[in-house]
N, C-alpha and C. Protein backbone atom coordinates (compact mmCIF):
# COMPACT_ATOMS: atom_id res chain seq x y z
N MET A 1 168.77 -125.74 -83.33
CA MET A 1 169.02 -124.83 -82.20
C MET A 1 167.74 -124.67 -81.39
N THR A 2 167.87 -124.78 -80.10
CA THR A 2 166.75 -124.55 -79.20
C THR A 2 166.31 -123.10 -79.30
N LYS A 3 165.01 -122.90 -79.36
CA LYS A 3 164.48 -121.55 -79.38
C LYS A 3 163.69 -121.30 -78.10
N VAL A 4 163.94 -120.15 -77.50
CA VAL A 4 163.32 -119.79 -76.22
C VAL A 4 162.53 -118.50 -76.41
N LEU A 5 161.37 -118.41 -75.76
CA LEU A 5 160.55 -117.19 -75.79
C LEU A 5 160.23 -116.79 -74.36
N ASP A 6 160.53 -115.56 -74.02
CA ASP A 6 160.11 -114.96 -72.74
C ASP A 6 159.00 -113.98 -73.10
N VAL A 7 157.74 -114.32 -72.76
CA VAL A 7 156.60 -113.56 -73.25
C VAL A 7 156.30 -112.28 -72.46
N CYS A 8 156.83 -112.15 -71.27
CA CYS A 8 156.64 -110.95 -70.43
C CYS A 8 158.00 -110.59 -69.83
N CYS A 9 158.95 -110.25 -70.68
CA CYS A 9 160.34 -110.14 -70.24
C CYS A 9 160.60 -109.01 -69.26
N GLY A 10 159.78 -107.95 -69.29
CA GLY A 10 160.05 -106.82 -68.40
C GLY A 10 161.49 -106.37 -68.55
N SER A 11 162.17 -106.18 -67.44
CA SER A 11 163.57 -105.76 -67.49
C SER A 11 164.53 -106.94 -67.38
N ARG A 12 164.02 -108.15 -67.65
CA ARG A 12 164.84 -109.37 -67.70
C ARG A 12 165.56 -109.65 -66.38
N MET A 13 164.88 -109.42 -65.28
CA MET A 13 165.47 -109.47 -63.94
C MET A 13 166.11 -110.82 -63.60
N PHE A 14 165.50 -111.93 -63.95
CA PHE A 14 166.05 -113.22 -63.52
C PHE A 14 167.00 -113.84 -64.53
N TRP A 15 167.23 -113.17 -65.64
CA TRP A 15 168.13 -113.71 -66.66
C TRP A 15 169.59 -113.45 -66.28
N PHE A 16 170.43 -114.48 -66.37
CA PHE A 16 171.86 -114.29 -66.18
C PHE A 16 172.45 -113.57 -67.39
N ASP A 17 172.02 -113.98 -68.60
CA ASP A 17 172.45 -113.33 -69.84
C ASP A 17 171.25 -112.60 -70.41
N LYS A 18 171.17 -111.30 -70.16
CA LYS A 18 170.02 -110.50 -70.58
C LYS A 18 169.95 -110.30 -72.09
N GLN A 19 170.97 -110.76 -72.81
CA GLN A 19 170.99 -110.69 -74.27
C GLN A 19 171.11 -112.10 -74.86
N ASN A 20 170.60 -113.08 -74.17
CA ASN A 20 170.74 -114.48 -74.59
C ASN A 20 170.38 -114.64 -76.07
N PRO A 21 171.30 -115.14 -76.89
CA PRO A 21 171.10 -115.16 -78.33
C PRO A 21 170.04 -116.14 -78.84
N ILE A 22 169.66 -117.14 -78.04
CA ILE A 22 168.64 -118.08 -78.50
C ILE A 22 167.25 -117.70 -78.00
N THR A 23 167.16 -116.55 -77.33
CA THR A 23 165.90 -116.13 -76.71
C THR A 23 165.31 -114.92 -77.42
N THR A 24 164.00 -114.98 -77.63
CA THR A 24 163.23 -113.82 -78.08
C THR A 24 162.58 -113.23 -76.84
N PHE A 25 162.85 -111.97 -76.58
CA PHE A 25 162.28 -111.27 -75.43
C PHE A 25 161.11 -110.42 -75.91
N MET A 26 159.93 -110.68 -75.34
CA MET A 26 158.72 -109.96 -75.73
C MET A 26 158.10 -109.31 -74.50
N ASP A 27 157.51 -108.16 -74.69
CA ASP A 27 156.73 -107.52 -73.64
C ASP A 27 155.70 -106.63 -74.32
N ILE A 28 154.66 -106.26 -73.60
CA ILE A 28 153.59 -105.44 -74.16
C ILE A 28 153.98 -103.96 -74.24
N ARG A 29 155.12 -103.62 -73.63
CA ARG A 29 155.51 -102.21 -73.56
C ARG A 29 157.01 -102.04 -73.59
N GLU A 30 157.39 -100.82 -73.89
CA GLU A 30 158.78 -100.38 -73.75
C GLU A 30 158.75 -99.23 -72.74
N HIS A 31 159.72 -99.20 -71.86
CA HIS A 31 159.73 -98.14 -70.85
C HIS A 31 161.14 -98.00 -70.28
N TYR A 32 161.61 -96.77 -70.23
CA TYR A 32 162.89 -96.49 -69.57
C TYR A 32 162.67 -95.30 -68.65
N GLU A 33 163.13 -95.45 -67.40
CA GLU A 33 163.00 -94.36 -66.43
C GLU A 33 164.01 -94.54 -65.32
N GLU A 34 164.65 -93.45 -64.95
CA GLU A 34 165.53 -93.43 -63.78
C GLU A 34 164.77 -92.73 -62.67
N LEU A 35 164.47 -93.46 -61.60
CA LEU A 35 163.67 -92.92 -60.51
C LEU A 35 164.54 -92.23 -59.47
N ASP A 36 163.95 -91.31 -58.74
CA ASP A 36 164.66 -90.60 -57.67
C ASP A 36 165.21 -91.56 -56.62
N SER A 37 164.57 -92.71 -56.47
CA SER A 37 164.99 -93.70 -55.48
C SER A 37 166.28 -94.41 -55.88
N GLY A 38 166.71 -94.20 -57.12
CA GLY A 38 167.90 -94.89 -57.61
C GLY A 38 167.56 -96.10 -58.47
N HIS A 39 166.30 -96.50 -58.46
CA HIS A 39 165.88 -97.62 -59.31
C HIS A 39 165.89 -97.19 -60.78
N VAL A 40 166.31 -98.09 -61.63
CA VAL A 40 166.25 -97.88 -63.07
C VAL A 40 165.28 -98.90 -63.65
N ILE A 41 164.34 -98.41 -64.41
CA ILE A 41 163.38 -99.28 -65.08
C ILE A 41 163.75 -99.29 -66.56
N ASN A 42 164.07 -100.48 -67.07
CA ASN A 42 164.46 -100.58 -68.47
C ASN A 42 163.77 -101.79 -69.09
N VAL A 43 162.61 -101.54 -69.66
CA VAL A 43 161.85 -102.58 -70.36
C VAL A 43 162.10 -102.36 -71.84
N ALA A 44 162.91 -103.23 -72.44
CA ALA A 44 163.33 -103.06 -73.83
C ALA A 44 163.25 -104.42 -74.54
N PRO A 45 162.03 -104.85 -74.89
CA PRO A 45 161.88 -106.15 -75.53
C PRO A 45 162.37 -106.14 -76.98
N ASP A 46 162.68 -107.34 -77.48
CA ASP A 46 162.99 -107.49 -78.91
C ASP A 46 161.73 -107.24 -79.73
N ILE A 47 160.61 -107.72 -79.21
CA ILE A 47 159.31 -107.59 -79.88
C ILE A 47 158.30 -107.04 -78.88
N VAL A 48 157.60 -105.99 -79.28
CA VAL A 48 156.49 -105.48 -78.47
C VAL A 48 155.26 -106.28 -78.89
N GLY A 49 154.70 -107.03 -77.94
CA GLY A 49 153.55 -107.86 -78.24
C GLY A 49 152.79 -108.22 -76.98
N ASP A 50 151.58 -108.69 -77.16
CA ASP A 50 150.67 -109.01 -76.07
C ASP A 50 150.64 -110.52 -75.85
N PHE A 51 150.86 -110.96 -74.63
CA PHE A 51 150.88 -112.40 -74.35
C PHE A 51 149.53 -113.06 -74.59
N ARG A 52 148.47 -112.28 -74.71
CA ARG A 52 147.14 -112.83 -74.98
C ARG A 52 146.91 -113.11 -76.46
N ASN A 53 147.78 -112.56 -77.32
CA ASN A 53 147.64 -112.71 -78.77
C ASN A 53 149.03 -112.53 -79.39
N MET A 54 149.83 -113.57 -79.34
CA MET A 54 151.23 -113.48 -79.76
C MET A 54 151.40 -113.56 -81.28
N PRO A 55 152.37 -112.81 -81.78
CA PRO A 55 152.62 -112.77 -83.23
C PRO A 55 153.54 -113.88 -83.73
N PHE A 56 153.36 -115.10 -83.25
CA PHE A 56 154.23 -116.22 -83.62
C PHE A 56 153.38 -117.38 -84.14
N ASP A 57 153.98 -118.20 -84.99
CA ASP A 57 153.31 -119.38 -85.51
C ASP A 57 153.14 -120.42 -84.41
N ASP A 58 152.20 -121.33 -84.62
CA ASP A 58 152.01 -122.47 -83.73
C ASP A 58 153.30 -123.30 -83.69
N ASN A 59 153.56 -123.93 -82.55
CA ASN A 59 154.64 -124.92 -82.43
C ASN A 59 156.00 -124.37 -82.84
N THR A 60 156.33 -123.18 -82.38
CA THR A 60 157.58 -122.51 -82.78
C THR A 60 158.70 -122.68 -81.76
N TYR A 61 158.39 -122.65 -80.47
CA TYR A 61 159.41 -122.56 -79.43
C TYR A 61 159.56 -123.86 -78.63
N ASP A 62 160.80 -124.16 -78.27
CA ASP A 62 161.11 -125.33 -77.43
C ASP A 62 160.84 -125.05 -75.96
N LEU A 63 161.04 -123.80 -75.55
CA LEU A 63 160.89 -123.38 -74.16
C LEU A 63 160.23 -122.02 -74.14
N VAL A 64 159.18 -121.91 -73.33
CA VAL A 64 158.49 -120.63 -73.16
C VAL A 64 158.53 -120.28 -71.67
N VAL A 65 158.87 -119.02 -71.39
CA VAL A 65 158.87 -118.50 -70.02
C VAL A 65 157.68 -117.54 -69.91
N PHE A 66 156.81 -117.78 -68.93
CA PHE A 66 155.61 -116.96 -68.73
C PHE A 66 155.65 -116.41 -67.31
N ASP A 67 156.00 -115.15 -67.20
CA ASP A 67 156.11 -114.43 -65.93
C ASP A 67 155.27 -113.17 -66.03
N PRO A 68 153.92 -113.32 -66.01
CA PRO A 68 153.06 -112.15 -66.19
C PRO A 68 153.08 -111.25 -64.97
N PRO A 69 152.56 -110.03 -65.13
CA PRO A 69 152.44 -109.16 -63.95
C PRO A 69 151.64 -109.86 -62.86
N HIS A 70 152.00 -109.60 -61.62
CA HIS A 70 151.34 -110.24 -60.48
C HIS A 70 150.45 -109.28 -59.70
N LEU A 71 150.57 -108.00 -59.99
CA LEU A 71 149.88 -106.99 -59.19
C LEU A 71 148.52 -106.64 -59.75
N LEU A 72 147.53 -106.53 -58.87
CA LEU A 72 146.22 -105.99 -59.20
C LEU A 72 146.10 -104.57 -58.67
N ARG A 73 146.69 -104.37 -57.50
CA ARG A 73 146.58 -103.08 -56.82
C ARG A 73 147.97 -102.47 -56.68
N ALA A 74 148.16 -101.40 -57.40
CA ALA A 74 149.41 -100.62 -57.30
C ALA A 74 149.12 -99.25 -57.90
N GLY A 75 149.61 -98.23 -57.26
CA GLY A 75 149.36 -96.87 -57.73
C GLY A 75 150.03 -96.60 -59.07
N PRO A 76 149.55 -95.59 -59.79
CA PRO A 76 150.10 -95.26 -61.11
C PRO A 76 151.56 -94.81 -61.06
N ASN A 77 152.01 -94.34 -59.91
CA ASN A 77 153.40 -93.91 -59.77
C ASN A 77 154.26 -94.93 -59.02
N SER A 78 153.70 -96.09 -58.76
CA SER A 78 154.43 -97.14 -58.07
C SER A 78 155.57 -97.65 -58.94
N TRP A 79 156.78 -97.70 -58.38
CA TRP A 79 157.90 -98.20 -59.19
C TRP A 79 157.72 -99.68 -59.49
N LEU A 80 157.04 -100.42 -58.60
CA LEU A 80 156.77 -101.84 -58.88
C LEU A 80 155.87 -102.00 -60.10
N ALA A 81 154.81 -101.19 -60.18
CA ALA A 81 153.91 -101.25 -61.34
C ALA A 81 154.64 -100.83 -62.61
N LYS A 82 155.49 -99.82 -62.51
CA LYS A 82 156.25 -99.37 -63.68
C LYS A 82 157.23 -100.44 -64.13
N LYS A 83 157.84 -101.11 -63.19
CA LYS A 83 158.85 -102.12 -63.52
C LYS A 83 158.24 -103.43 -64.01
N TYR A 84 157.20 -103.90 -63.32
CA TYR A 84 156.65 -105.22 -63.58
C TYR A 84 155.30 -105.23 -64.29
N GLY A 85 154.65 -104.09 -64.39
CA GLY A 85 153.33 -104.04 -64.98
C GLY A 85 152.26 -104.37 -63.95
N LYS A 86 151.02 -104.32 -64.40
CA LYS A 86 149.89 -104.50 -63.51
C LYS A 86 148.77 -105.19 -64.29
N LEU A 87 148.06 -106.09 -63.62
CA LEU A 87 146.92 -106.76 -64.23
C LEU A 87 145.67 -105.90 -64.11
N ASN A 88 144.73 -106.15 -65.01
CA ASN A 88 143.45 -105.47 -64.95
C ASN A 88 142.58 -106.16 -63.91
N LEU A 89 142.07 -105.41 -62.96
CA LEU A 89 141.28 -105.95 -61.85
C LEU A 89 140.07 -106.74 -62.34
N ASP A 90 139.44 -106.28 -63.43
CA ASP A 90 138.21 -106.91 -63.91
C ASP A 90 138.43 -108.08 -64.86
N THR A 91 139.60 -108.12 -65.53
CA THR A 91 139.79 -109.14 -66.58
C THR A 91 140.99 -110.04 -66.34
N TRP A 92 141.63 -109.97 -65.18
CA TRP A 92 142.89 -110.69 -64.98
C TRP A 92 142.77 -112.19 -65.21
N GLN A 93 141.65 -112.80 -64.79
CA GLN A 93 141.50 -114.25 -64.96
C GLN A 93 141.43 -114.63 -66.44
N GLU A 94 140.66 -113.89 -67.19
CA GLU A 94 140.56 -114.13 -68.64
C GLU A 94 141.91 -113.86 -69.32
N ASP A 95 142.59 -112.81 -68.89
CA ASP A 95 143.88 -112.46 -69.48
C ASP A 95 144.92 -113.56 -69.23
N ILE A 96 144.99 -114.05 -68.00
CA ILE A 96 145.95 -115.12 -67.69
C ILE A 96 145.58 -116.40 -68.43
N SER A 97 144.28 -116.69 -68.52
CA SER A 97 143.83 -117.87 -69.26
C SER A 97 144.26 -117.78 -70.72
N LYS A 98 144.05 -116.64 -71.34
CA LYS A 98 144.49 -116.43 -72.73
C LYS A 98 146.00 -116.57 -72.84
N GLY A 99 146.72 -116.07 -71.84
CA GLY A 99 148.17 -116.18 -71.84
C GLY A 99 148.64 -117.62 -71.84
N PHE A 100 148.04 -118.44 -70.98
CA PHE A 100 148.39 -119.86 -70.96
C PHE A 100 148.09 -120.51 -72.32
N LYS A 101 146.92 -120.22 -72.88
CA LYS A 101 146.55 -120.79 -74.18
C LYS A 101 147.57 -120.41 -75.25
N GLU A 102 147.97 -119.16 -75.28
CA GLU A 102 148.93 -118.69 -76.26
C GLU A 102 150.31 -119.32 -76.05
N CYS A 103 150.72 -119.43 -74.80
CA CYS A 103 152.01 -120.07 -74.51
C CYS A 103 152.04 -121.50 -75.02
N PHE A 104 150.97 -122.24 -74.78
CA PHE A 104 150.92 -123.62 -75.25
C PHE A 104 150.76 -123.68 -76.77
N ARG A 105 150.12 -122.70 -77.37
CA ARG A 105 149.98 -122.69 -78.84
C ARG A 105 151.33 -122.53 -79.52
N VAL A 106 152.18 -121.63 -79.03
CA VAL A 106 153.48 -121.37 -79.68
C VAL A 106 154.55 -122.37 -79.26
N LEU A 107 154.25 -123.17 -78.24
CA LEU A 107 155.20 -124.17 -77.75
C LEU A 107 155.15 -125.42 -78.63
N LYS A 108 156.32 -125.95 -78.97
CA LYS A 108 156.39 -127.19 -79.74
C LYS A 108 155.88 -128.36 -78.91
N PRO A 109 155.37 -129.41 -79.57
CA PRO A 109 155.02 -130.62 -78.81
C PRO A 109 156.23 -131.12 -78.02
N ASN A 110 155.99 -131.53 -76.81
CA ASN A 110 157.03 -131.94 -75.85
C ASN A 110 157.88 -130.77 -75.37
N GLY A 111 157.49 -129.55 -75.71
CA GLY A 111 158.20 -128.37 -75.24
C GLY A 111 157.89 -128.09 -73.78
N THR A 112 158.65 -127.19 -73.20
CA THR A 112 158.55 -126.89 -71.77
C THR A 112 158.09 -125.46 -71.55
N LEU A 113 157.14 -125.29 -70.64
CA LEU A 113 156.69 -123.97 -70.20
C LEU A 113 157.13 -123.79 -68.76
N VAL A 114 157.86 -122.72 -68.50
CA VAL A 114 158.23 -122.35 -67.13
C VAL A 114 157.37 -121.16 -66.75
N PHE A 115 156.61 -121.30 -65.68
CA PHE A 115 155.68 -120.27 -65.23
C PHE A 115 156.13 -119.75 -63.88
N LYS A 116 156.17 -118.43 -63.75
CA LYS A 116 156.57 -117.81 -62.48
C LYS A 116 155.40 -116.98 -61.96
N TRP A 117 155.14 -117.12 -60.65
CA TRP A 117 154.03 -116.37 -60.05
C TRP A 117 154.37 -116.00 -58.62
N ASN A 118 154.02 -114.76 -58.23
CA ASN A 118 154.18 -114.29 -56.86
C ASN A 118 152.80 -114.10 -56.25
N GLU A 119 152.59 -114.65 -55.05
CA GLU A 119 151.27 -114.64 -54.41
C GLU A 119 150.98 -113.40 -53.57
N GLU A 120 151.67 -112.35 -53.76
CA GLU A 120 151.45 -111.15 -52.94
C GLU A 120 149.98 -110.70 -52.96
N GLN A 121 149.35 -110.74 -54.16
CA GLN A 121 147.98 -110.24 -54.25
C GLN A 121 146.97 -111.28 -54.78
N ILE A 122 147.44 -112.30 -55.45
CA ILE A 122 146.56 -113.35 -55.98
C ILE A 122 147.20 -114.70 -55.67
N ARG A 123 146.41 -115.59 -55.10
CA ARG A 123 146.94 -116.91 -54.75
C ARG A 123 147.20 -117.76 -56.00
N LEU A 124 148.23 -118.57 -55.95
CA LEU A 124 148.58 -119.45 -57.05
C LEU A 124 147.40 -120.35 -57.44
N LYS A 125 146.68 -120.84 -56.47
CA LYS A 125 145.53 -121.71 -56.72
C LYS A 125 144.52 -121.04 -57.64
N GLU A 126 144.28 -119.74 -57.44
CA GLU A 126 143.35 -118.99 -58.30
C GLU A 126 143.89 -118.86 -59.72
N VAL A 127 145.19 -118.70 -59.85
CA VAL A 127 145.81 -118.57 -61.17
C VAL A 127 145.75 -119.90 -61.91
N LEU A 128 146.09 -120.98 -61.23
CA LEU A 128 146.06 -122.30 -61.88
C LEU A 128 144.65 -122.71 -62.30
N ALA A 129 143.63 -122.14 -61.66
CA ALA A 129 142.24 -122.42 -62.03
C ALA A 129 141.89 -121.82 -63.40
N THR A 130 142.74 -120.94 -63.93
CA THR A 130 142.48 -120.32 -65.22
C THR A 130 142.95 -121.17 -66.40
N THR A 131 143.61 -122.29 -66.14
CA THR A 131 144.13 -123.13 -67.21
C THR A 131 143.79 -124.59 -66.96
N GLU A 132 143.61 -125.32 -68.06
CA GLU A 132 143.36 -126.77 -67.95
C GLU A 132 144.64 -127.56 -67.76
N HIS A 133 145.79 -126.92 -68.02
CA HIS A 133 147.08 -127.60 -67.93
C HIS A 133 147.52 -127.73 -66.47
N LYS A 134 148.15 -128.83 -66.17
CA LYS A 134 148.64 -129.09 -64.81
C LYS A 134 150.17 -129.08 -64.81
N PRO A 135 150.77 -128.42 -63.84
CA PRO A 135 152.23 -128.40 -63.78
C PRO A 135 152.78 -129.78 -63.40
N LEU A 136 153.98 -130.05 -63.89
CA LEU A 136 154.67 -131.29 -63.51
C LEU A 136 155.25 -131.17 -62.11
N PHE A 137 155.93 -130.06 -61.86
CA PHE A 137 156.53 -129.82 -60.55
C PHE A 137 156.82 -128.34 -60.39
N GLY A 138 157.17 -127.98 -59.17
CA GLY A 138 157.50 -126.59 -58.84
C GLY A 138 157.59 -126.45 -57.35
N ASN A 139 158.02 -125.30 -56.91
CA ASN A 139 158.10 -125.10 -55.46
C ASN A 139 156.72 -124.69 -54.94
N LYS A 140 156.32 -125.27 -53.83
CA LYS A 140 154.98 -125.05 -53.29
C LYS A 140 154.97 -124.21 -52.03
N ARG A 141 156.10 -124.00 -51.41
CA ARG A 141 156.11 -123.38 -50.09
C ARG A 141 156.50 -121.91 -50.09
N ALA A 142 157.13 -121.45 -51.14
CA ALA A 142 157.59 -120.06 -51.17
C ALA A 142 156.45 -119.14 -51.58
N LYS A 143 156.66 -117.85 -51.46
CA LYS A 143 155.67 -116.87 -51.91
C LYS A 143 155.76 -116.68 -53.42
N THR A 144 156.96 -116.84 -53.97
CA THR A 144 157.16 -116.82 -55.41
C THR A 144 157.33 -118.24 -55.88
N HIS A 145 156.52 -118.63 -56.85
CA HIS A 145 156.48 -120.00 -57.34
C HIS A 145 157.04 -120.09 -58.75
N TRP A 146 157.80 -121.15 -59.00
CA TRP A 146 158.28 -121.51 -60.33
C TRP A 146 157.68 -122.87 -60.63
N LEU A 147 156.88 -122.97 -61.69
CA LEU A 147 156.24 -124.22 -62.05
C LEU A 147 156.66 -124.61 -63.46
N VAL A 148 156.77 -125.91 -63.71
CA VAL A 148 157.19 -126.42 -65.01
C VAL A 148 156.06 -127.26 -65.60
N PHE A 149 155.73 -126.95 -66.84
CA PHE A 149 154.72 -127.68 -67.60
C PHE A 149 155.38 -128.27 -68.84
N VAL A 150 154.82 -129.35 -69.40
CA VAL A 150 155.27 -129.88 -70.68
C VAL A 150 154.05 -129.99 -71.58
N LYS A 151 154.20 -129.54 -72.83
CA LYS A 151 153.14 -129.68 -73.80
C LYS A 151 153.15 -131.10 -74.34
N GLU A 152 152.06 -131.81 -74.19
CA GLU A 152 151.99 -133.18 -74.68
C GLU A 152 151.84 -133.17 -76.19
N GLU A 153 152.34 -134.23 -76.83
CA GLU A 153 152.19 -134.34 -78.28
C GLU A 153 150.72 -134.38 -78.63
N GLN A 154 150.39 -133.82 -79.77
CA GLN A 154 148.98 -133.73 -80.17
C GLN A 154 148.61 -134.84 -81.11
């Protein structure tokens, strides 16, 4: 059976099946809130864990989804920050670099990493500079990018 890991699942916004049985949903936090605006924030991972230091064995997953927070600047009461999280202004490059390393560590040889990034506050080029891995393909023209990587056999 194919095993899938979403390391920053948040509220599972892009998932068609938010309870997908072959997927482990992980996030660094749990949070539920109904906002006055009508937005509902529901971050309910299967496993609470940090993408910089994952609690999984090497070479465990066939497919890893890495959609880390994209925001550096957002107020503490921002619904976007509550829903999607926020990066640390001083350590974001190191954090994303560790995230890529961990994603590739838990990915099986020949496994696939799908990476999602929005350029609202940090350019994709700056993010890709944090990893030695090169994407195979992805969309280059949109503000939100989906990139696909494959872990080469070791």
